[in-house]
PDB file of all heavy atoms in Angstrom:
ATOM      1  N   TYR A   1       7.794  85.964  93.200  1.00  0.00           N
ATOM      2  CA  TYR A   1       6.780  86.267  92.283  1.00  0.00           C
ATOM      3  C   TYR A   1       5.606  85.148  92.185  1.00  0.00           C
ATOM      4  O   TYR A   1       4.275  85.507  91.939  1.00  0.00           O
ATOM      5  CB  TYR A   1       7.438  86.323  90.818  1.00  0.00           C
ATOM      6  CG  TYR A   1       6.434  86.782  89.771  1.00  0.00           C
ATOM      7  CD1 TYR A   1       5.654  88.047  89.858  1.00  0.00           C
ATOM      8  CD2 TYR A   1       6.072  86.137  88.644  1.00  0.00           C
ATOM      9  CE1 TYR A   1       4.846  88.581  88.942  1.00  0.00           C
ATOM     10  CE2 TYR A   1       5.343  86.718  87.558  1.00  0.00           C
ATOM     11  CZ  TYR A   1       4.670  87.813  87.846  1.00  0.00           C
ATOM     12  OH  TYR A   1       3.743  88.207  86.868  1.00  0.00           O
ATOM     13  N   GLU A   2       5.893  83.853  92.438  1.00  0.00           N
ATOM     14  CA  GLU A   2       4.967  82.863  92.632  1.00  0.00           C
ATOM     15  C   GLU A   2       3.992  83.197  93.689  1.00  0.00           C
ATOM     16  O   GLU A   2       2.664  83.089  93.538  1.00  0.00           O
ATOM     17  CB  GLU A   2       5.645  81.544  92.872  1.00  0.00           C
ATOM     18  CG  GLU A   2       6.407  80.951  91.767  1.00  0.00           C
ATOM     19  CD  GLU A   2       7.284  79.719  92.078  1.00  0.00           C
ATOM     20  OE1 GLU A   2       7.161  79.392  93.232  1.00  0.00           O
ATOM     21  OE2 GLU A   2       7.892  79.226  91.160  1.00  0.00           O
ATOM     22  N   ARG A   3       4.424  83.729  94.929  1.00  0.00           N
ATOM     23  CA  ARG A   3       3.668  84.033  95.913  1.00  0.00           C
ATOM     24  C   ARG A   3       2.699  85.423  95.485  1.00  0.00           C
ATOM     25  O   ARG A   3       1.511  85.381  95.837  1.00  0.00           O
ATOM     26  CB  ARG A   3       4.399  84.528  97.149  1.00  0.00           C
ATOM     27  CG  ARG A   3       5.315  83.319  97.539  1.00  0.00           C
ATOM     28  CD  ARG A   3       5.739  83.420  99.115  1.00  0.00           C
ATOM     29  NE  ARG A   3       6.271  84.709  99.355  1.00  0.00           N
ATOM     30  CZ  ARG A   3       7.645  85.022  99.347  1.00  0.00           C
ATOM     31  NH1 ARG A   3       8.457  84.132  98.921  1.00  0.00           N
ATOM     32  NH2 ARG A   3       8.001  86.317  99.599  1.00  0.00           N
ATOM     33  N   LEU A   4       3.282  86.275  94.750  1.00  0.00           N
ATOM     34  CA  LEU A   4       2.549  87.460  94.419  1.00  0.00           C
ATOM     35  C   LEU A   4       1.481  87.138  93.499  1.00  0.00           C
ATOM     36  O   LEU A   4       0.386  87.623  93.414  1.00  0.00           O
ATOM     37  CB  LEU A   4       3.468  88.578  93.941  1.00  0.00           C
ATOM     38  CG  LEU A   4       4.447  89.041  94.988  1.00  0.00           C
ATOM     39  CD1 LEU A   4       5.430  90.053  94.342  1.00  0.00           C
ATOM     40  CD2 LEU A   4       3.675  89.910  95.999  1.00  0.00           C
ATOM     41  N   ARG A   5       1.809  86.335  92.445  1.00  0.00           N
ATOM     42  CA  ARG A   5       0.878  85.864  91.402  1.00  0.00           C
ATOM     43  C   ARG A   5      -0.303  85.075  92.063  1.00  0.00           C
ATOM     44  O   ARG A   5      -1.582  85.294  91.669  1.00  0.00           O
ATOM     45  CB  ARG A   5       1.561  84.755  90.356  1.00  0.00           C
ATOM     46  CG  ARG A   5       2.513  85.544  89.387  1.00  0.00           C
ATOM     47  CD  ARG A   5       1.591  86.336  88.494  1.00  0.00           C
ATOM     48  NE  ARG A   5       0.931  85.464  87.511  1.00  0.00           N
ATOM     49  CZ  ARG A   5      -0.116  85.917  86.903  1.00  0.00           C
ATOM     50  NH1 ARG A   5      -0.590  87.102  86.883  1.00  0.00           N
ATOM     51  NH2 ARG A   5      -0.754  85.065  85.962  1.00  0.00           N
ATOM     52  N   ALA A   6      -0.021  84.342  93.128  1.00  0.00           N
ATOM     53  CA  ALA A   6      -1.160  83.680  93.927  1.00  0.00           C
ATOM     54  C   ALA A   6      -2.112  84.736  94.535  1.00  0.00           C
ATOM     55  O   ALA A   6      -3.338  84.363  94.689  1.00  0.00           O
ATOM     56  CB  ALA A   6      -0.557  82.749  94.839  1.00  0.00           C
ATOM     57  N   ALA A   7      -1.537  85.854  94.782  1.00  0.00           N
ATOM     58  CA  ALA A   7      -2.252  86.926  95.608  1.00  0.00           C
ATOM     59  C   ALA A   7      -2.903  87.821  94.567  1.00  0.00           C
ATOM     60  O   ALA A   7      -3.509  88.888  95.003  1.00  0.00           O
ATOM     61  CB  ALA A   7      -1.320  87.663  96.523  1.00  0.00           C
ATOM     62  N   GLY A   8      -2.684  87.690  93.177  1.00  0.00           N
ATOM     63  CA  GLY A   8      -3.389  88.389  92.287  1.00  0.00           C
ATOM     64  C   GLY A   8      -2.478  89.493  91.596  1.00  0.00           C
ATOM     65  O   GLY A   8      -3.004  90.380  90.704  1.00  0.00           O
ATOM     66  N   TYR A   9      -1.201  89.558  91.798  1.00  0.00           N
ATOM     67  CA  TYR A   9      -0.390  90.554  91.367  1.00  0.00           C
ATOM     68  C   TYR A   9       0.309  90.139  90.040  1.00  0.00           C
ATOM     69  O   TYR A   9       0.552  88.954  89.818  1.00  0.00           O
ATOM     70  CB  TYR A   9       0.750  91.008  92.221  1.00  0.00           C
ATOM     71  CG  TYR A   9       0.256  91.647  93.513  1.00  0.00           C
ATOM     72  CD1 TYR A   9      -0.072  90.913  94.653  1.00  0.00           C
ATOM     73  CD2 TYR A   9       0.081  93.076  93.618  1.00  0.00           C
ATOM     74  CE1 TYR A   9      -0.450  91.512  95.815  1.00  0.00           C
ATOM     75  CE2 TYR A   9      -0.355  93.555  94.747  1.00  0.00           C
ATOM     76  CZ  TYR A   9      -0.504  92.847  95.849  1.00  0.00           C
ATOM     77  OH  TYR A   9      -1.212  93.451  97.074  1.00  0.00           O
ATOM     78  N   THR A  10       0.541  91.105  89.136  1.00  0.00           N
ATOM     79  CA  THR A  10       1.353  90.725  88.039  1.00  0.00           C
ATOM     80  C   THR A  10       2.419  91.752  87.844  1.00  0.00           C
ATOM     81  O   THR A  10       2.360  92.851  88.395  1.00  0.00           O
ATOM     82  CB  THR A  10       0.468  90.716  86.643  1.00  0.00           C
ATOM     83  OG1 THR A  10      -0.142  91.998  86.584  1.00  0.00           O
ATOM     84  CG2 THR A  10      -0.400  89.561  86.587  1.00  0.00           C
ATOM     85  N   ALA A  11       3.553  91.427  87.121  1.00  0.00           N
ATOM     86  CA  ALA A  11       4.723  92.299  86.995  1.00  0.00           C
ATOM     87  C   ALA A  11       5.319  92.135  85.633  1.00  0.00           C
ATOM     88  O   ALA A  11       5.255  91.108  84.991  1.00  0.00           O
ATOM     89  CB  ALA A  11       5.609  91.977  88.194  1.00  0.00           C
ATOM     90  N   ARG A  12       6.115  93.274  85.423  1.00  0.00           N
ATOM     91  CA  ARG A  12       6.930  93.102  84.069  1.00  0.00           C
ATOM     92  C   ARG A  12       8.176  93.834  84.419  1.00  0.00           C
ATOM     93  O   ARG A  12       8.192  94.770  85.082  1.00  0.00           O
ATOM     94  CB  ARG A  12       6.224  93.785  82.910  1.00  0.00           C
ATOM     95  CG  ARG A  12       5.009  93.120  82.440  1.00  0.00           C
ATOM     96  CD  ARG A  12       4.464  93.778  81.104  1.00  0.00           C
ATOM     97  NE  ARG A  12       3.295  92.990  80.485  1.00  0.00           N
ATOM     98  CZ  ARG A  12       3.537  91.887  79.694  1.00  0.00           C
ATOM     99  NH1 ARG A  12       4.542  91.536  79.474  1.00  0.00           N
ATOM    100  NH2 ARG A  12       2.420  91.228  79.345  1.00  0.00           N
ATOM    101  N   SER A  13       9.261  93.301  83.766  1.00  0.00           N
ATOM    102  CA  SER A  13      10.646  93.762  84.166  1.00  0.00           C
ATOM    103  C   SER A  13      11.418  94.084  82.897  1.00  0.00           C
ATOM    104  O   SER A  13      11.339  93.367  81.848  1.00  0.00           O
ATOM    105  CB  SER A  13      11.324  92.795  85.079  1.00  0.00           C
ATOM    106  OG  SER A  13      10.572  92.565  86.242  1.00  0.00           O
ATOM    107  N   GLY A  14      12.363  95.019  83.087  1.00  0.00           N
ATOM    108  CA  GLY A  14      13.308  95.395  82.031  1.00  0.00           C
ATOM    109  C   GLY A  14      14.643  95.791  82.627  1.00  0.00           C
ATOM    110  O   GLY A  14      14.773  95.571  83.746  1.00  0.00           O
ATOM    111  N   TRP A  15      15.526  96.498  81.804  1.00  0.00           N
ATOM    112  CA  TRP A  15      16.735  97.020  82.214  1.00  0.00           C
ATOM    113  C   TRP A  15      16.656  98.573  82.057  1.00  0.00           C
ATOM    114  O   TRP A  15      16.229  99.032  81.114  1.00  0.00           O
ATOM    115  CB  TRP A  15      17.905  96.369  81.529  1.00  0.00           C
ATOM    116  CG  TRP A  15      17.919  94.911  81.706  1.00  0.00           C
ATOM    117  CD1 TRP A  15      17.651  94.067  80.665  1.00  0.00           C
ATOM    118  CD2 TRP A  15      18.447  94.090  82.741  1.00  0.00           C
ATOM    119  NE1 TRP A  15      17.741  92.703  81.201  1.00  0.00           N
ATOM    120  CE2 TRP A  15      18.287  92.740  82.340  1.00  0.00           C
ATOM    121  CE3 TRP A  15      18.886  94.441  84.007  1.00  0.00           C
ATOM    122  CZ2 TRP A  15      18.770  91.815  83.226  1.00  0.00           C
ATOM    123  CZ3 TRP A  15      19.364  93.454  84.890  1.00  0.00           C
ATOM    124  CH2 TRP A  15      19.158  92.025  84.433  1.00  0.00           C
ATOM    125  N   LEU A  16      17.395  99.201  83.052  1.00  0.00           N
ATOM    126  CA  LEU A  16      17.711 100.621  82.877  1.00  0.00           C
ATOM    127  C   LEU A  16      19.164 100.883  82.963  1.00  0.00           C
ATOM    128  O   LEU A  16      19.763 100.183  83.779  1.00  0.00           O
ATOM    129  CB  LEU A  16      17.030 101.564  83.888  1.00  0.00           C
ATOM    130  CG  LEU A  16      15.421 101.621  83.832  1.00  0.00           C
ATOM    131  CD1 LEU A  16      14.872 102.438  84.974  1.00  0.00           C
ATOM    132  CD2 LEU A  16      14.840 102.001  82.490  1.00  0.00           C
ATOM    133  N   THR A  17      19.686 101.696  82.159  1.00  0.00           N
ATOM    134  CA  THR A  17      21.211 102.092  82.160  1.00  0.00           C
ATOM    135  C   THR A  17      21.347 103.256  83.085  1.00  0.00           C
ATOM    136  O   THR A  17      20.778 104.390  82.808  1.00  0.00           O
ATOM    137  CB  THR A  17      21.825 102.373  80.885  1.00  0.00           C
ATOM    138  OG1 THR A  17      21.753 101.211  80.097  1.00  0.00           O
ATOM    139  CG2 THR A  17      23.302 102.655  80.964  1.00  0.00           C
ATOM    140  N   SER A  18      21.900 103.044  84.224  1.00  0.00           N
ATOM    141  CA  SER A  18      21.998 104.053  85.297  1.00  0.00           C
ATOM    142  C   SER A  18      23.049 105.152  84.868  1.00  0.00           C
ATOM    143  O   SER A  18      23.984 104.874  84.099  1.00  0.00           O
ATOM    144  CB  SER A  18      22.475 103.472  86.639  1.00  0.00           C
ATOM    145  OG  SER A  18      22.656 104.515  87.563  1.00  0.00           O
ATOM    146  N   SER A  19      22.887 106.390  85.452  1.00  0.00           N
ATOM    147  CA  SER A  19      23.839 107.385  85.086  1.00  0.00           C
ATOM    148  C   SER A  19      25.067 107.430  85.998  1.00  0.00           C
ATOM    149  O   SER A  19      26.045 108.136  85.927  1.00  0.00           O
ATOM    150  CB  SER A  19      23.172 108.822  85.404  1.00  0.00           C
ATOM    151  OG  SER A  19      22.658 108.927  86.614  1.00  0.00           O
ATOM    152  N   THR A  20      25.161 106.366  86.962  1.00  0.00           N
ATOM    153  CA  THR A  20      26.394 106.328  87.741  1.00  0.00           C
ATOM    154  C   THR A  20      26.596 104.871  87.998  1.00  0.00           C
ATOM    155  O   THR A  20      25.806 103.954  87.715  1.00  0.00           O
ATOM    156  CB  THR A  20      26.087 107.050  89.096  1.00  0.00           C
ATOM    157  OG1 THR A  20      27.249 107.052  89.931  1.00  0.00           O
ATOM    158  CG2 THR A  20      24.904 106.507  89.987  1.00  0.00           C
ATOM    159  N   ALA A  21      27.600 104.545  88.750  1.00  0.00           N
ATOM    160  CA  ALA A  21      28.052 103.132  89.042  1.00  0.00           C
ATOM    161  C   ALA A  21      28.854 103.230  90.328  1.00  0.00           C
ATOM    162  O   ALA A  21      29.642 104.078  90.547  1.00  0.00           O
ATOM    163  CB  ALA A  21      28.846 102.462  88.050  1.00  0.00           C
ATOM    164  N   GLY A  22      28.612 102.189  91.202  1.00  0.00           N
ATOM    165  CA  GLY A  22      29.476 102.140  92.467  1.00  0.00           C
ATOM    166  C   GLY A  22      29.039 103.082  93.607  1.00  0.00           C
ATOM    167  O   GLY A  22      29.334 102.885  94.734  1.00  0.00           O
ATOM    168  N   GLY A  23      28.255 104.124  93.284  1.00  0.00           N
ATOM    169  CA  GLY A  23      27.831 105.123  94.276  1.00  0.00           C
ATOM    170  C   GLY A  23      27.230 106.276  93.600  1.00  0.00           C
ATOM    171  O   GLY A  23      27.026 106.247  92.270  1.00  0.00           O
ATOM    172  N   GLY A  24      26.892 107.219  94.355  1.00  0.00           N
ATOM    173  CA  GLY A  24      26.192 108.488  93.714  1.00  0.00           C
ATOM    174  C   GLY A  24      24.694 108.308  93.416  1.00  0.00           C
ATOM    175  O   GLY A  24      24.043 108.561  92.442  1.00  0.00           O
ATOM    176  N   SER A  25      24.047 107.559  94.551  1.00  0.00           N
ATOM    177  CA  SER A  25      22.657 107.116  94.349  1.00  0.00           C
ATOM    178  C   SER A  25      21.843 108.236  93.958  1.00  0.00           C
ATOM    179  O   SER A  25      20.836 108.339  93.249  1.00  0.00           O
ATOM    180  CB  SER A  25      22.098 106.452  95.577  1.00  0.00           C
ATOM    181  OG  SER A  25      22.817 105.450  95.981  1.00  0.00           O
ATOM    182  N   TRP A  26      22.180 109.561  94.542  1.00  0.00           N
ATOM    183  CA  TRP A  26      21.376 110.822  94.231  1.00  0.00           C
ATOM    184  C   TRP A  26      21.414 111.141  92.721  1.00  0.00           C
ATOM    185  O   TRP A  26      20.399 111.661  92.312  1.00  0.00           O
ATOM    186  CB  TRP A  26      21.859 112.016  95.068  1.00  0.00           C
ATOM    187  CG  TRP A  26      23.173 112.427  94.759  1.00  0.00           C
ATOM    188  CD1 TRP A  26      23.636 113.289  93.905  1.00  0.00           C
ATOM    189  CD2 TRP A  26      24.438 111.778  95.431  1.00  0.00           C
ATOM    190  NE1 TRP A  26      25.067 113.378  93.983  1.00  0.00           N
ATOM    191  CE2 TRP A  26      25.529 112.460  94.798  1.00  0.00           C
ATOM    192  CE3 TRP A  26      24.630 110.783  96.337  1.00  0.00           C
ATOM    193  CZ2 TRP A  26      26.787 112.236  95.236  1.00  0.00           C
ATOM    194  CZ3 TRP A  26      25.977 110.480  96.702  1.00  0.00           C
ATOM    195  CH2 TRP A  26      27.058 111.284  96.159  1.00  0.00           C
ATOM    196  N   LEU A  27      22.369 110.749  91.980  1.00  0.00           N
ATOM    197  CA  LEU A  27      22.522 111.092  90.513  1.00  0.00           C
ATOM    198  C   LEU A  27      21.414 110.052  89.757  1.00  0.00           C
ATOM    199  O   LEU A  27      20.696 110.524  88.967  1.00  0.00           O
ATOM    200  CB  LEU A  27      23.830 110.803  90.050  1.00  0.00           C
ATOM    201  CG  LEU A  27      25.038 111.517  90.682  1.00  0.00           C
ATOM    202  CD1 LEU A  27      26.327 111.167  90.055  1.00  0.00           C
ATOM    203  CD2 LEU A  27      24.636 113.016  90.466  1.00  0.00           C
ATOM    204  N   ALA A  28      21.405 108.824  90.202  1.00  0.00           N
ATOM    205  CA  ALA A  28      20.443 108.033  89.639  1.00  0.00           C
ATOM    206  C   ALA A  28      18.981 108.333  89.903  1.00  0.00           C
ATOM    207  O   ALA A  28      18.169 108.283  89.005  1.00  0.00           O
ATOM    208  CB  ALA A  28      20.781 106.470  90.139  1.00  0.00           C
ATOM    209  N   GLN A  29      18.690 108.597  91.181  1.00  0.00           N
ATOM    210  CA  GLN A  29      17.370 109.001  91.577  1.00  0.00           C
ATOM    211  C   GLN A  29      16.886 110.220  90.789  1.00  0.00           C
ATOM    212  O   GLN A  29      15.692 110.265  90.325  1.00  0.00           O
ATOM    213  CB  GLN A  29      17.344 109.179  93.144  1.00  0.00           C
ATOM    214  CG  GLN A  29      17.517 107.897  93.921  1.00  0.00           C
ATOM    215  CD  GLN A  29      17.803 108.183  95.436  1.00  0.00           C
ATOM    216  OE1 GLN A  29      17.608 109.195  95.897  1.00  0.00           O
ATOM    217  NE2 GLN A  29      18.297 107.177  96.166  1.00  0.00           N
ATOM    218  N   SER A  30      17.611 111.328  90.775  1.00  0.00           N
ATOM    219  CA  SER A  30      17.266 112.401  90.048  1.00  0.00           C
ATOM    220  C   SER A  30      17.126 112.164  88.457  1.00  0.00           C
ATOM    221  O   SER A  30      16.239 112.725  87.860  1.00  0.00           O
ATOM    222  CB  SER A  30      18.346 113.526  90.300  1.00  0.00           C
ATOM    223  OG  SER A  30      19.510 113.203  90.003  1.00  0.00           O
ATOM    224  N   THR A  31      17.898 111.266  87.979  1.00  0.00           N
ATOM    225  CA  THR A  31      17.863 110.997  86.610  1.00  0.00           C
ATOM    226  C   THR A  31      16.545 110.238  86.290  1.00  0.00           C
ATOM    227  O   THR A  31      15.856 110.696  85.337  1.00  0.00           O
ATOM    228  CB  THR A  31      19.010 110.025  86.264  1.00  0.00           C
ATOM    229  OG1 THR A  31      20.217 110.778  86.227  1.00  0.00           O
ATOM    230  CG2 THR A  31      18.776 109.542  84.771  1.00  0.00           C
ATOM    231  N   LEU A  32      16.082 109.404  87.164  1.00  0.00           N
ATOM    232  CA  LEU A  32      14.964 108.608  86.852  1.00  0.00           C
ATOM    233  C   LEU A  32      13.742 109.643  86.987  1.00  0.00           C
ATOM    234  O   LEU A  32      12.876 109.516  86.214  1.00  0.00           O
ATOM    235  CB  LEU A  32      14.686 107.380  87.821  1.00  0.00           C
ATOM    236  CG  LEU A  32      13.513 106.629  87.523  1.00  0.00           C
ATOM    237  CD1 LEU A  32      13.906 105.284  86.879  1.00  0.00           C
ATOM    238  CD2 LEU A  32      12.756 106.387  88.801  1.00  0.00           C
ATOM    239  N   LEU A  33      13.733 110.304  88.119  1.00  0.00           N
ATOM    240  CA  LEU A  33      12.468 111.216  88.429  1.00  0.00           C
ATOM    241  C   LEU A  33      12.466 112.402  87.459  1.00  0.00           C
ATOM    242  O   LEU A  33      11.328 112.824  87.240  1.00  0.00           O
ATOM    243  CB  LEU A  33      12.461 111.552  89.831  1.00  0.00           C
ATOM    244  CG  LEU A  33      12.469 110.377  90.807  1.00  0.00           C
ATOM    245  CD1 LEU A  33      12.761 110.894  92.166  1.00  0.00           C
ATOM    246  CD2 LEU A  33      11.145 109.753  90.787  1.00  0.00           C
ATOM    247  N   SER A  34      13.553 112.924  87.013  1.00  0.00           N
ATOM    248  CA  SER A  34      13.537 114.072  86.110  1.00  0.00           C
ATOM    249  C   SER A  34      13.435 113.860  84.706  1.00  0.00           C
ATOM    250  O   SER A  34      13.099 114.844  83.865  1.00  0.00           O
ATOM    251  CB  SER A  34      14.713 115.002  86.571  1.00  0.00           C
ATOM    252  OG  SER A  34      15.907 114.375  85.998  1.00  0.00           O
ATOM    253  N   GLY A  35      13.878 112.739  84.222  1.00  0.00           N
ATOM    254  CA  GLY A  35      13.950 112.566  82.858  1.00  0.00           C
ATOM    255  C   GLY A  35      15.131 113.188  82.232  1.00  0.00           C
ATOM    256  O   GLY A  35      15.284 113.435  81.040  1.00  0.00           O
ATOM    257  N   LEU A  36      16.166 113.565  83.011  1.00  0.00           N
ATOM    258  CA  LEU A  36      17.407 114.240  82.528  1.00  0.00           C
ATOM    259  C   LEU A  36      18.563 113.217  82.808  1.00  0.00           C
ATOM    260  O   LEU A  36      18.503 112.480  83.928  1.00  0.00           O
ATOM    261  CB  LEU A  36      17.532 115.568  83.307  1.00  0.00           C
ATOM    262  CG  LEU A  36      16.601 116.644  82.932  1.00  0.00           C
ATOM    263  CD1 LEU A  36      16.718 117.755  83.981  1.00  0.00           C
ATOM    264  CD2 LEU A  36      16.856 117.274  81.485  1.00  0.00           C
ATOM    265  N   TRP A  37      19.528 113.353  82.040  1.00  0.00           N
ATOM    266  CA  TRP A  37      20.815 112.514  82.354  1.00  0.00           C
ATOM    267  C   TRP A  37      21.645 113.274  83.286  1.00  0.00           C
ATOM    268  O   TRP A  37      22.388 114.163  82.840  1.00  0.00           O
ATOM    269  CB  TRP A  37      21.525 112.112  81.095  1.00  0.00           C
ATOM    270  CG  TRP A  37      22.683 111.097  81.218  1.00  0.00           C
ATOM    271  CD1 TRP A  37      24.051 111.468  81.174  1.00  0.00           C
ATOM    272  CD2 TRP A  37      22.421 109.824  81.351  1.00  0.00           C
ATOM    273  NE1 TRP A  37      24.698 110.268  81.291  1.00  0.00           N
ATOM    274  CE2 TRP A  37      23.815 109.225  81.515  1.00  0.00           C
ATOM    275  CE3 TRP A  37      21.424 108.932  81.591  1.00  0.00           C
ATOM    276  CZ2 TRP A  37      23.970 107.864  81.755  1.00  0.00           C
ATOM    277  CZ3 TRP A  37      21.722 107.668  81.666  1.00  0.00           C
ATOM    278  CH2 TRP A  37      23.067 106.995  81.686  1.00  0.00           C
ATOM    279  N   ILE A  38      21.588 112.956  84.524  1.00  0.00           N
ATOM    280  CA  ILE A  38      22.348 113.685  85.664  1.00  0.00           C
ATOM    281  C   ILE A  38      23.509 112.728  86.326  1.00  0.00           C
ATOM    282  O   ILE A  38      23.207 111.787  87.009  1.00  0.00           O
ATOM    283  CB  ILE A  38      21.301 114.029  86.734  1.00  0.00           C
ATOM    284  CG1 ILE A  38      20.250 114.958  86.166  1.00  0.00           C
ATOM    285  CG2 ILE A  38      22.068 114.665  87.884  1.00  0.00           C
ATOM    286  CD1 ILE A  38      19.267 115.399  87.145  1.00  0.00           C
ATOM    287  N   ASP A  39      24.560 112.871  85.640  1.00  0.00           N
ATOM    288  CA  ASP A  39      25.722 111.983  85.963  1.00  0.00           C
ATOM    289  C   ASP A  39      26.947 112.697  86.683  1.00  0.00           C
ATOM    290  O   ASP A  39      28.085 112.194  86.914  1.00  0.00           O
ATOM    291  CB  ASP A  39      26.367 111.328  84.729  1.00  0.00           C
ATOM    292  CG  ASP A  39      26.863 112.333  83.648  1.00  0.00           C
ATOM    293  OD1 ASP A  39      26.580 113.553  83.879  1.00  0.00           O
ATOM    294  OD2 ASP A  39      27.359 111.934  82.737  1.00  0.00           O
ATOM    295  N   SER A  40      26.695 114.078  87.201  1.00  0.00           N
ATOM    296  CA  SER A  40      27.742 114.783  87.799  1.00  0.00           C
ATOM    297  C   SER A  40      27.121 115.796  88.710  1.00  0.00           C
ATOM    298  O   SER A  40      25.925 116.047  88.678  1.00  0.00           O
ATOM    299  CB  SER A  40      28.500 115.452  86.702  1.00  0.00           C
ATOM    300  OG  SER A  40      27.691 116.528  85.975  1.00  0.00           O
ATOM    301  N   ALA A  41      27.902 116.218  89.567  1.00  0.00           N
ATOM    302  CA  ALA A  41      27.585 117.316  90.557  1.00  0.00           C
ATOM    303  C   ALA A  41      27.064 118.532  89.831  1.00  0.00           C
ATOM    304  O   ALA A  41      26.038 119.192  90.293  1.00  0.00           O
ATOM    305  CB  ALA A  41      28.706 117.602  91.685  1.00  0.00           C
ATOM    306  N   PRO A  42      27.727 119.123  88.825  1.00  0.00           N
ATOM    307  CA  PRO A  42      27.347 120.318  88.347  1.00  0.00           C
ATOM    308  C   PRO A  42      25.922 120.060  87.745  1.00  0.00           C
ATOM    309  O   PRO A  42      25.060 121.085  87.665  1.00  0.00           O
ATOM    310  CB  PRO A  42      28.271 120.678  87.275  1.00  0.00           C
ATOM    311  CG  PRO A  42      29.636 120.070  87.833  1.00  0.00           C
ATOM    312  CD  PRO A  42      29.093 118.709  88.383  1.00  0.00           C
ATOM    313  N   ARG A  43      25.608 118.937  87.018  1.00  0.00           N
ATOM    314  CA  ARG A  43      24.369 118.807  86.435  1.00  0.00           C
ATOM    315  C   ARG A  43      23.289 118.643  87.500  1.00  0.00           C
ATOM    316  O   ARG A  43      22.261 119.126  87.430  1.00  0.00           O
ATOM    317  CB  ARG A  43      24.259 117.483  85.569  1.00  0.00           C
ATOM    318  CG  ARG A  43      24.960 117.759  84.179  1.00  0.00           C
ATOM    319  CD  ARG A  43      24.730 116.462  83.342  1.00  0.00           C
ATOM    320  NE  ARG A  43      25.033 116.848  81.966  1.00  0.00           N
ATOM    321  CZ  ARG A  43      24.433 116.318  80.887  1.00  0.00           C
ATOM    322  NH1 ARG A  43      23.414 115.580  80.989  1.00  0.00           N
ATOM    323  NH2 ARG A  43      24.791 116.675  79.551  1.00  0.00           N
ATOM    324  N   TYR A  44      23.625 117.968  88.727  1.00  0.00           N
ATOM    325  CA  TYR A  44      22.648 117.878  89.758  1.00  0.00           C
ATOM    326  C   TYR A  44      22.403 119.204  90.253  1.00  0.00           C
ATOM    327  O   TYR A  44      21.127 119.538  90.656  1.00  0.00           O
ATOM    328  CB  TYR A  44      23.295 116.871  90.797  1.00  0.00           C
ATOM    329  CG  TYR A  44      22.274 116.701  91.912  1.00  0.00           C
ATOM    330  CD1 TYR A  44      21.185 115.873  91.878  1.00  0.00           C
ATOM    331  CD2 TYR A  44      22.513 117.142  93.271  1.00  0.00           C
ATOM    332  CE1 TYR A  44      20.238 115.580  92.855  1.00  0.00           C
ATOM    333  CE2 TYR A  44      21.805 116.893  94.293  1.00  0.00           C
ATOM    334  CZ  TYR A  44      20.676 116.154  94.055  1.00  0.00           C
ATOM    335  OH  TYR A  44      19.697 115.872  95.174  1.00  0.00           O
ATOM    336  N   GLN A  45      23.436 120.009  90.565  1.00  0.00           N
ATOM    337  CA  GLN A  45      23.013 121.327  91.047  1.00  0.00           C
ATOM    338  C   GLN A  45      22.241 122.208  90.156  1.00  0.00           C
ATOM    339  O   GLN A  45      21.337 122.988  90.661  1.00  0.00           O
ATOM    340  CB  GLN A  45      24.436 122.187  91.286  1.00  0.00           C
ATOM    341  CG  GLN A  45      25.261 121.548  92.552  1.00  0.00           C
ATOM    342  CD  GLN A  45      24.521 121.699  93.857  1.00  0.00           C
ATOM    343  OE1 GLN A  45      23.830 122.697  94.025  1.00  0.00           O
ATOM    344  NE2 GLN A  45      24.540 120.649  94.699  1.00  0.00           N
ATOM    345  N   ALA A  46      22.525 122.125  88.825  1.00  0.00           N
ATOM    346  CA  ALA A  46      21.678 122.840  87.956  1.00  0.00           C
ATOM    347  C   ALA A  46      20.262 122.448  87.950  1.00  0.00           C
ATOM    348  O   ALA A  46      19.321 123.232  87.769  1.00  0.00           O
ATOM    349  CB  ALA A  46      22.256 122.739  86.564  1.00  0.00           C
ATOM    350  N   PHE A  47      20.130 121.088  88.002  1.00  0.00           N
ATOM    351  CA  PHE A  47      18.733 120.560  88.171  1.00  0.00           C
ATOM    352  C   PHE A  47      17.938 121.118  89.485  1.00  0.00           C
ATOM    353  O   PHE A  47      16.802 121.607  89.456  1.00  0.00           O
ATOM    354  CB  PHE A  47      18.674 119.100  88.254  1.00  0.00           C
ATOM    355  CG  PHE A  47      17.469 118.458  88.904  1.00  0.00           C
ATOM    356  CD1 PHE A  47      16.292 118.503  88.270  1.00  0.00           C
ATOM    357  CD2 PHE A  47      17.615 117.795  90.122  1.00  0.00           C
ATOM    358  CE1 PHE A  47      15.157 117.921  88.863  1.00  0.00           C
ATOM    359  CE2 PHE A  47      16.549 117.211  90.693  1.00  0.00           C
ATOM    360  CZ  PHE A  47      15.254 117.269  90.142  1.00  0.00           C
TER     361      PHE A  47
END
């Protein structure tokens, strides 16, 4: 961030609670992009 600040960038950070843990990246990606809580295969298929 020190290097990026020197180049003119700024950033802000927080936390998100993922819909999965340990694996199942596709569930997290679809959750973030769709605005739906997708934590299982049936939900993902419905989406």
